Amino acid sequence: MQIGYILLAVLMGIMLAVYLPMNSAVARHLGSPIAASIPFFLIALTTSVLLLFVKGDQEAVLNIKNVPAYLFIAGFISAFMILGTTFLLPKIGARQFFIVVLAGQLIMAMILSHFALLESPKDPVTIKKIFGASLMFVGALLSTH
């Protein structure tokens, strides 16, 4: 089962590398990153609602009252990520953008996992993990300069 999850995560990485530049291209066609985010979020909302009905989980929406308010900051972060991507991709290019985004993700993932924050399973930082992350950062530096 674990290999299936890993393959799904790889697929998500592939999709991320495609959909963010697509949204940036929409921004160039429209002339505005903010305007480009509107159809993106409308389609995302429509897809989510359709999947909710197909799966038959409509009543799960009623549990929204049980979600801690601070977790809804994720919506702001999502909008910031899309707007930031549509702005930065044409400026620095997809390769450099994804390398530095991945570096930032690795830093935060290590912090979240080490302290088991945001319901992440605890995964303490070790010397071996710091060494691996350092190699990634050196690679990012070499690749972006």
N, C-alpha and C. Protein backbone atom coordinates (compact mmCIF):
# COMPACT_ATOMS: atom_id res chain seq x y z
N MET A 1 0.83 -1.20 0.00
CA MET A 1 0.00 0.00 0.00
C MET A 1 0.87 1.25 0.00
N GLN A 2 1.99 1.27 0.74
CA GLN A 2 2.86 2.43 0.82
C GLN A 2 3.37 2.85 -0.55
N ILE A 3 3.71 1.89 -1.42
CA ILE A 3 4.22 2.23 -2.75
C ILE A 3 3.14 2.95 -3.55
N GLY A 4 1.89 2.59 -3.37
CA GLY A 4 0.79 3.27 -4.04
C GLY A 4 0.71 4.74 -3.62
N TYR A 5 0.90 4.99 -2.34
CA TYR A 5 0.89 6.37 -1.85
C TYR A 5 2.06 7.16 -2.42
N ILE A 6 3.21 6.53 -2.48
CA ILE A 6 4.39 7.20 -3.01
C ILE A 6 4.20 7.52 -4.49
N LEU A 7 3.66 6.56 -5.25
CA LEU A 7 3.41 6.81 -6.67
C LEU A 7 2.38 7.92 -6.86
N LEU A 8 1.37 7.96 -6.01
CA LEU A 8 0.38 9.04 -6.08
C LEU A 8 1.05 10.39 -5.80
N ALA A 9 1.95 10.43 -4.83
CA ALA A 9 2.66 11.67 -4.52
C ALA A 9 3.53 12.10 -5.70
N VAL A 10 4.17 11.15 -6.37
CA VAL A 10 4.96 11.48 -7.56
C VAL A 10 4.05 12.04 -8.64
N LEU A 11 2.90 11.42 -8.85
CA LEU A 11 1.93 11.92 -9.83
C LEU A 11 1.49 13.34 -9.48
N MET A 12 1.27 13.59 -8.20
CA MET A 12 0.88 14.94 -7.77
C MET A 12 2.00 15.94 -8.07
N GLY A 13 3.25 15.53 -7.88
CA GLY A 13 4.37 16.40 -8.21
C GLY A 13 4.41 16.71 -9.70
N ILE A 14 4.12 15.71 -10.52
CA ILE A 14 4.07 15.91 -11.97
C ILE A 14 2.95 16.88 -12.31
N MET A 15 1.79 16.67 -11.70
CA MET A 15 0.65 17.55 -11.98
C MET A 15 0.94 18.97 -11.52
N LEU A 16 1.58 19.12 -10.37
CA LEU A 16 1.93 20.45 -9.86
C LEU A 16 2.84 21.18 -10.84
N ALA A 17 3.79 20.44 -11.41
CA ALA A 17 4.72 21.04 -12.36
C ALA A 17 4.03 21.46 -13.66
N VAL A 18 2.84 20.94 -13.91
CA VAL A 18 2.10 21.28 -15.13
C VAL A 18 1.04 22.35 -14.86
N TYR A 19 0.29 22.18 -13.77
CA TYR A 19 -0.86 23.07 -13.59
C TYR A 19 -0.46 24.50 -13.19
N LEU A 20 0.62 24.66 -12.44
CA LEU A 20 1.01 26.01 -12.07
C LEU A 20 1.46 26.82 -13.29
N PRO A 21 2.30 26.27 -14.17
CA PRO A 21 2.62 27.03 -15.39
C PRO A 21 1.39 27.26 -16.28
N MET A 22 0.44 26.33 -16.26
CA MET A 22 -0.79 26.54 -17.03
C MET A 22 -1.53 27.77 -16.51
N ASN A 23 -1.63 27.90 -15.20
CA ASN A 23 -2.32 29.05 -14.63
C ASN A 23 -1.56 30.34 -14.94
N SER A 24 -0.25 30.26 -14.95
CA SER A 24 0.56 31.43 -15.30
C SER A 24 0.30 31.83 -16.76
N ALA A 25 0.14 30.82 -17.63
CA ALA A 25 -0.17 31.11 -19.04
C ALA A 25 -1.54 31.76 -19.17
N VAL A 26 -2.50 31.31 -18.37
CA VAL A 26 -3.83 31.95 -18.37
C VAL A 26 -3.69 33.42 -17.97
N ALA A 27 -2.86 33.69 -16.97
CA ALA A 27 -2.65 35.07 -16.53
C ALA A 27 -2.08 35.93 -17.65
N ARG A 28 -1.16 35.37 -18.42
CA ARG A 28 -0.60 36.14 -19.54
C ARG A 28 -1.67 36.41 -20.59
N HIS A 29 -2.54 35.42 -20.85
CA HIS A 29 -3.61 35.62 -21.83
C HIS A 29 -4.62 36.66 -21.36
N LEU A 30 -4.91 36.65 -20.06
CA LEU A 30 -5.89 37.59 -19.52
C LEU A 30 -5.27 38.94 -19.18
N GLY A 31 -3.96 38.95 -18.96
CA GLY A 31 -3.30 40.19 -18.58
C GLY A 31 -3.35 40.48 -17.10
N SER A 32 -3.71 39.48 -16.29
CA SER A 32 -3.80 39.70 -14.85
C SER A 32 -3.73 38.38 -14.09
N PRO A 33 -2.78 38.25 -13.14
CA PRO A 33 -2.73 37.05 -12.32
C PRO A 33 -3.97 36.90 -11.44
N ILE A 34 -4.50 38.00 -10.98
CA ILE A 34 -5.70 37.94 -10.12
C ILE A 34 -6.88 37.44 -10.93
N ALA A 35 -7.06 37.97 -12.13
CA ALA A 35 -8.16 37.50 -12.99
C ALA A 35 -7.99 36.02 -13.34
N ALA A 36 -6.74 35.57 -13.50
CA ALA A 36 -6.49 34.17 -13.85
C ALA A 36 -6.87 33.23 -12.71
N SER A 37 -6.78 33.70 -11.47
CA SER A 37 -7.10 32.83 -10.35
C SER A 37 -8.60 32.58 -10.23
N ILE A 38 -9.42 33.46 -10.75
CA ILE A 38 -10.87 33.30 -10.61
C ILE A 38 -11.38 32.05 -11.33
N PRO A 39 -11.07 31.86 -12.64
CA PRO A 39 -11.55 30.61 -13.26
C PRO A 39 -10.91 29.38 -12.63
N PHE A 40 -9.65 29.50 -12.18
CA PHE A 40 -8.98 28.38 -11.52
C PHE A 40 -9.78 27.92 -10.30
N PHE A 41 -10.13 28.87 -9.43
CA PHE A 41 -10.84 28.50 -8.21
C PHE A 41 -12.29 28.09 -8.48
N LEU A 42 -12.92 28.68 -9.48
CA LEU A 42 -14.28 28.26 -9.84
C LEU A 42 -14.29 26.82 -10.34
N ILE A 43 -13.33 26.48 -11.17
CA ILE A 43 -13.24 25.10 -11.67
C ILE A 43 -12.88 24.15 -10.54
N ALA A 44 -11.98 24.57 -9.65
CA ALA A 44 -11.62 23.74 -8.51
C ALA A 44 -12.83 23.50 -7.60
N LEU A 45 -13.61 24.54 -7.36
CA LEU A 45 -14.81 24.41 -6.54
C LEU A 45 -15.81 23.47 -7.20
N THR A 46 -16.04 23.66 -8.49
CA THR A 46 -16.99 22.81 -9.22
C THR A 46 -16.54 21.35 -9.18
N THR A 47 -15.26 21.11 -9.41
CA THR A 47 -14.72 19.75 -9.37
C THR A 47 -14.91 19.14 -7.99
N SER A 48 -14.61 19.91 -6.95
CA SER A 48 -14.76 19.41 -5.58
C SER A 48 -16.21 19.05 -5.26
N VAL A 49 -17.14 19.91 -5.66
CA VAL A 49 -18.56 19.65 -5.41
C VAL A 49 -19.01 18.40 -6.17
N LEU A 50 -18.61 18.28 -7.43
CA LEU A 50 -18.98 17.10 -8.21
C LEU A 50 -18.43 15.82 -7.58
N LEU A 51 -17.16 15.85 -7.17
CA LEU A 51 -16.58 14.67 -6.53
C LEU A 51 -17.27 14.35 -5.22
N LEU A 52 -17.67 15.37 -4.49
CA LEU A 52 -18.39 15.17 -3.23
C LEU A 52 -19.70 14.42 -3.48
N PHE A 53 -20.41 14.83 -4.53
CA PHE A 53 -21.68 14.17 -4.84
C PHE A 53 -21.47 12.77 -5.42
N VAL A 54 -20.46 12.60 -6.24
CA VAL A 54 -20.19 11.28 -6.83
C VAL A 54 -19.82 10.29 -5.74
N LYS A 55 -19.01 10.72 -4.80
CA LYS A 55 -18.58 9.84 -3.71
C LYS A 55 -19.68 9.65 -2.66
N GLY A 56 -20.65 10.55 -2.63
CA GLY A 56 -21.75 10.43 -1.69
C GLY A 56 -21.45 10.94 -0.30
N ASP A 57 -20.55 11.90 -0.19
CA ASP A 57 -20.15 12.43 1.11
C ASP A 57 -20.76 13.80 1.41
N GLN A 58 -21.92 14.10 0.85
CA GLN A 58 -22.50 15.43 1.02
C GLN A 58 -22.66 15.82 2.49
N GLU A 59 -23.00 14.87 3.34
CA GLU A 59 -23.23 15.20 4.75
C GLU A 59 -21.94 15.60 5.45
N ALA A 60 -20.80 15.26 4.89
CA ALA A 60 -19.53 15.63 5.50
C ALA A 60 -19.38 17.15 5.56
N VAL A 61 -20.02 17.86 4.64
CA VAL A 61 -19.93 19.33 4.64
C VAL A 61 -20.49 19.90 5.94
N LEU A 62 -21.44 19.21 6.53
CA LEU A 62 -22.03 19.68 7.78
C LEU A 62 -21.02 19.70 8.92
N ASN A 63 -19.94 18.94 8.79
CA ASN A 63 -18.90 18.90 9.83
C ASN A 63 -17.99 20.12 9.79
N ILE A 64 -18.24 21.03 8.87
CA ILE A 64 -17.39 22.22 8.74
C ILE A 64 -17.34 23.02 10.05
N LYS A 65 -18.40 22.93 10.82
CA LYS A 65 -18.43 23.66 12.09
C LYS A 65 -17.43 23.09 13.09
N ASN A 66 -16.92 21.87 12.86
CA ASN A 66 -15.96 21.24 13.77
C ASN A 66 -14.51 21.55 13.41
N VAL A 67 -14.29 22.24 12.31
CA VAL A 67 -12.94 22.54 11.86
C VAL A 67 -12.43 23.78 12.60
N PRO A 68 -11.25 23.68 13.21
CA PRO A 68 -10.69 24.87 13.87
C PRO A 68 -10.52 26.01 12.86
N ALA A 69 -10.91 27.21 13.26
CA ALA A 69 -10.91 28.36 12.35
C ALA A 69 -9.55 28.62 11.71
N TYR A 70 -8.46 28.41 12.46
CA TYR A 70 -7.14 28.72 11.91
C TYR A 70 -6.80 27.86 10.69
N LEU A 71 -7.43 26.70 10.55
CA LEU A 71 -7.14 25.83 9.41
C LEU A 71 -7.66 26.40 8.09
N PHE A 72 -8.59 27.32 8.16
CA PHE A 72 -9.12 27.94 6.94
C PHE A 72 -8.13 28.94 6.33
N ILE A 73 -7.05 29.21 7.05
CA ILE A 73 -5.99 30.04 6.48
C ILE A 73 -5.43 29.36 5.22
N ALA A 74 -5.61 28.05 5.12
CA ALA A 74 -5.15 27.32 3.94
C ALA A 74 -5.75 27.89 2.66
N GLY A 75 -6.96 28.42 2.71
CA GLY A 75 -7.57 29.04 1.54
C GLY A 75 -6.79 30.28 1.11
N PHE A 76 -6.38 31.09 2.07
CA PHE A 76 -5.55 32.26 1.79
C PHE A 76 -4.22 31.82 1.20
N ILE A 77 -3.62 30.80 1.80
CA ILE A 77 -2.33 30.30 1.32
C ILE A 77 -2.49 29.79 -0.12
N SER A 78 -3.56 29.09 -0.40
CA SER A 78 -3.79 28.59 -1.75
C SER A 78 -3.87 29.73 -2.75
N ALA A 79 -4.62 30.76 -2.41
CA ALA A 79 -4.73 31.91 -3.31
C ALA A 79 -3.37 32.59 -3.48
N PHE A 80 -2.63 32.74 -2.39
CA PHE A 80 -1.30 33.35 -2.46
C PHE A 80 -0.37 32.52 -3.34
N MET A 81 -0.43 31.19 -3.21
CA MET A 81 0.42 30.30 -4.02
C MET A 81 0.10 30.45 -5.51
N ILE A 82 -1.17 30.49 -5.84
CA ILE A 82 -1.55 30.62 -7.25
C ILE A 82 -1.14 31.99 -7.78
N LEU A 83 -1.44 33.03 -7.04
CA LEU A 83 -1.08 34.38 -7.49
C LEU A 83 0.44 34.55 -7.55
N GLY A 84 1.13 34.03 -6.55
CA GLY A 84 2.59 34.11 -6.55
C GLY A 84 3.20 33.35 -7.71
N THR A 85 2.65 32.20 -8.01
CA THR A 85 3.15 31.40 -9.13
C THR A 85 2.93 32.11 -10.45
N THR A 86 1.73 32.66 -10.64
CA THR A 86 1.45 33.33 -11.92
C THR A 86 2.34 34.55 -12.09
N PHE A 87 2.75 35.16 -10.99
CA PHE A 87 3.65 36.31 -11.06
C PHE A 87 5.11 35.87 -11.29
N LEU A 88 5.56 34.84 -10.53
CA LEU A 88 6.98 34.48 -10.53
C LEU A 88 7.43 33.64 -11.73
N LEU A 89 6.58 32.73 -12.20
CA LEU A 89 7.00 31.84 -13.29
C LEU A 89 7.53 32.59 -14.51
N PRO A 90 6.84 33.62 -14.99
CA PRO A 90 7.39 34.34 -16.14
C PRO A 90 8.67 35.11 -15.81
N LYS A 91 8.89 35.41 -14.53
CA LYS A 91 10.06 36.18 -14.13
C LYS A 91 11.31 35.32 -13.98
N ILE A 92 11.16 34.14 -13.36
CA ILE A 92 12.33 33.31 -13.06
C ILE A 92 12.32 31.96 -13.78
N GLY A 93 11.25 31.60 -14.43
CA GLY A 93 11.18 30.34 -15.17
C GLY A 93 10.73 29.18 -14.30
N ALA A 94 10.18 28.16 -14.95
CA ALA A 94 9.62 27.01 -14.23
C ALA A 94 10.68 26.23 -13.47
N ARG A 95 11.84 25.99 -14.08
CA ARG A 95 12.87 25.18 -13.44
C ARG A 95 13.33 25.82 -12.13
N GLN A 96 13.72 27.07 -12.20
CA GLN A 96 14.21 27.75 -11.00
C GLN A 96 13.08 27.90 -9.98
N PHE A 97 11.89 28.22 -10.44
CA PHE A 97 10.76 28.37 -9.52
C PHE A 97 10.54 27.09 -8.71
N PHE A 98 10.45 25.96 -9.41
CA PHE A 98 10.15 24.71 -8.71
C PHE A 98 11.29 24.26 -7.81
N ILE A 99 12.53 24.56 -8.18
CA ILE A 99 13.66 24.19 -7.33
C ILE A 99 13.60 24.95 -6.01
N VAL A 100 13.37 26.26 -6.06
CA VAL A 100 13.35 27.02 -4.81
C VAL A 100 12.07 26.77 -4.01
N VAL A 101 10.96 26.51 -4.69
CA VAL A 101 9.73 26.14 -3.97
C VAL A 101 9.95 24.81 -3.25
N LEU A 102 10.57 23.86 -3.92
CA LEU A 102 10.84 22.57 -3.29
C LEU A 102 11.76 22.73 -2.08
N ALA A 103 12.74 23.61 -2.18
CA ALA A 103 13.63 23.87 -1.04
C ALA A 103 12.82 24.41 0.15
N GLY A 104 11.93 25.35 -0.12
CA GLY A 104 11.08 25.89 0.94
C GLY A 104 10.16 24.83 1.52
N GLN A 105 9.62 23.98 0.66
CA GLN A 105 8.75 22.90 1.14
C GLN A 105 9.52 21.95 2.06
N LEU A 106 10.75 21.64 1.68
CA LEU A 106 11.55 20.73 2.48
C LEU A 106 11.83 21.30 3.87
N ILE A 107 12.16 22.58 3.93
CA ILE A 107 12.41 23.23 5.23
C ILE A 107 11.16 23.13 6.10
N MET A 108 10.02 23.54 5.56
CA MET A 108 8.80 23.54 6.37
C MET A 108 8.34 22.13 6.70
N ALA A 109 8.50 21.20 5.76
CA ALA A 109 8.11 19.81 6.03
C ALA A 109 8.91 19.23 7.18
N MET A 110 10.20 19.55 7.23
CA MET A 110 11.03 19.05 8.33
C MET A 110 10.59 19.63 9.67
N ILE A 111 10.23 20.91 9.67
CA ILE A 111 9.76 21.55 10.90
C ILE A 111 8.42 20.95 11.34
N LEU A 112 7.48 20.87 10.39
CA LEU A 112 6.15 20.34 10.72
C LEU A 112 6.24 18.90 11.23
N SER A 113 7.05 18.08 10.56
CA SER A 113 7.16 16.68 10.97
C SER A 113 7.93 16.53 12.28
N HIS A 114 8.96 17.30 12.47
CA HIS A 114 9.75 17.19 13.71
C HIS A 114 8.88 17.48 14.94
N PHE A 115 8.05 18.51 14.83
CA PHE A 115 7.22 18.89 15.97
C PHE A 115 5.80 18.33 15.89
N ALA A 116 5.52 17.52 14.88
CA ALA A 116 4.19 16.93 14.68
C ALA A 116 3.10 18.01 14.66
N LEU A 117 3.37 19.08 13.91
CA LEU A 117 2.42 20.19 13.81
C LEU A 117 1.38 19.92 12.73
N LEU A 118 0.23 20.56 12.85
CA LEU A 118 -0.86 20.47 11.88
C LEU A 118 -1.24 19.02 11.59
N GLU A 119 -1.23 18.21 12.63
CA GLU A 119 -1.64 16.80 12.56
C GLU A 119 -0.73 15.95 11.69
N SER A 120 0.49 16.41 11.49
CA SER A 120 1.48 15.63 10.75
C SER A 120 2.06 14.57 11.67
N PRO A 121 2.30 13.36 11.16
CA PRO A 121 2.95 12.34 12.00
C PRO A 121 4.34 12.82 12.43
N LYS A 122 4.71 12.51 13.66
CA LYS A 122 6.02 12.93 14.19
C LYS A 122 7.12 12.18 13.45
N ASP A 123 8.09 12.94 12.97
CA ASP A 123 9.24 12.39 12.25
C ASP A 123 10.43 13.27 12.62
N PRO A 124 11.10 12.94 13.73
CA PRO A 124 12.17 13.80 14.24
C PRO A 124 13.28 14.05 13.22
N VAL A 125 13.81 15.27 13.25
CA VAL A 125 14.95 15.63 12.42
C VAL A 125 16.18 14.91 12.98
N THR A 126 16.95 14.32 12.08
CA THR A 126 18.18 13.62 12.46
C THR A 126 19.34 14.22 11.66
N ILE A 127 20.54 13.88 12.05
CA ILE A 127 21.72 14.33 11.32
C ILE A 127 21.64 13.84 9.87
N LYS A 128 21.22 12.62 9.68
CA LYS A 128 21.11 12.05 8.33
C LYS A 128 20.12 12.86 7.48
N LYS A 129 19.00 13.25 8.06
CA LYS A 129 18.00 14.04 7.33
C LYS A 129 18.52 15.45 7.04
N ILE A 130 19.21 16.02 7.98
CA ILE A 130 19.81 17.35 7.76
C ILE A 130 20.84 17.27 6.64
N PHE A 131 21.64 16.21 6.62
CA PHE A 131 22.64 16.02 5.56
C PHE A 131 21.93 15.90 4.21
N GLY A 132 20.87 15.10 4.15
CA GLY A 132 20.13 14.94 2.90
C GLY A 132 19.53 16.25 2.42
N ALA A 133 18.95 17.01 3.35
CA ALA A 133 18.38 18.31 2.99
C ALA A 133 19.47 19.26 2.54
N SER A 134 20.63 19.20 3.19
CA SER A 134 21.75 20.07 2.80
C SER A 134 22.20 19.75 1.38
N LEU A 135 22.25 18.47 1.04
CA LEU A 135 22.61 18.09 -0.34
C LEU A 135 21.60 18.67 -1.33
N MET A 136 20.34 18.62 -0.96
CA MET A 136 19.31 19.17 -1.84
C MET A 136 19.50 20.67 -2.02
N PHE A 137 19.81 21.36 -0.93
CA PHE A 137 20.01 22.81 -1.00
C PHE A 137 21.24 23.16 -1.84
N VAL A 138 22.32 22.40 -1.68
CA VAL A 138 23.50 22.64 -2.50
C VAL A 138 23.15 22.42 -3.97
N GLY A 139 22.40 21.36 -4.25
CA GLY A 139 21.95 21.11 -5.62
C GLY A 139 21.09 22.25 -6.15
N ALA A 140 20.22 22.78 -5.29
CA ALA A 140 19.36 23.90 -5.70
C ALA A 140 20.22 25.12 -6.00
N LEU A 141 21.22 25.40 -5.15
CA LEU A 141 22.10 26.53 -5.39
C LEU A 141 22.86 26.37 -6.70
N LEU A 142 23.39 25.18 -6.92
CA LEU A 142 24.14 24.93 -8.16
C LEU A 142 23.24 25.04 -9.38
N SER A 143 22.02 24.60 -9.25
CA SER A 143 21.10 24.58 -10.38
C SER A 143 20.51 25.94 -10.71
N THR A 144 20.47 26.83 -9.72
CA THR A 144 19.84 28.12 -9.96
C THR A 144 20.84 29.24 -10.23
N HIS A 145 22.14 28.94 -10.17
CA HIS A 145 23.14 29.98 -10.44
C HIS A 145 23.97 29.63 -11.64
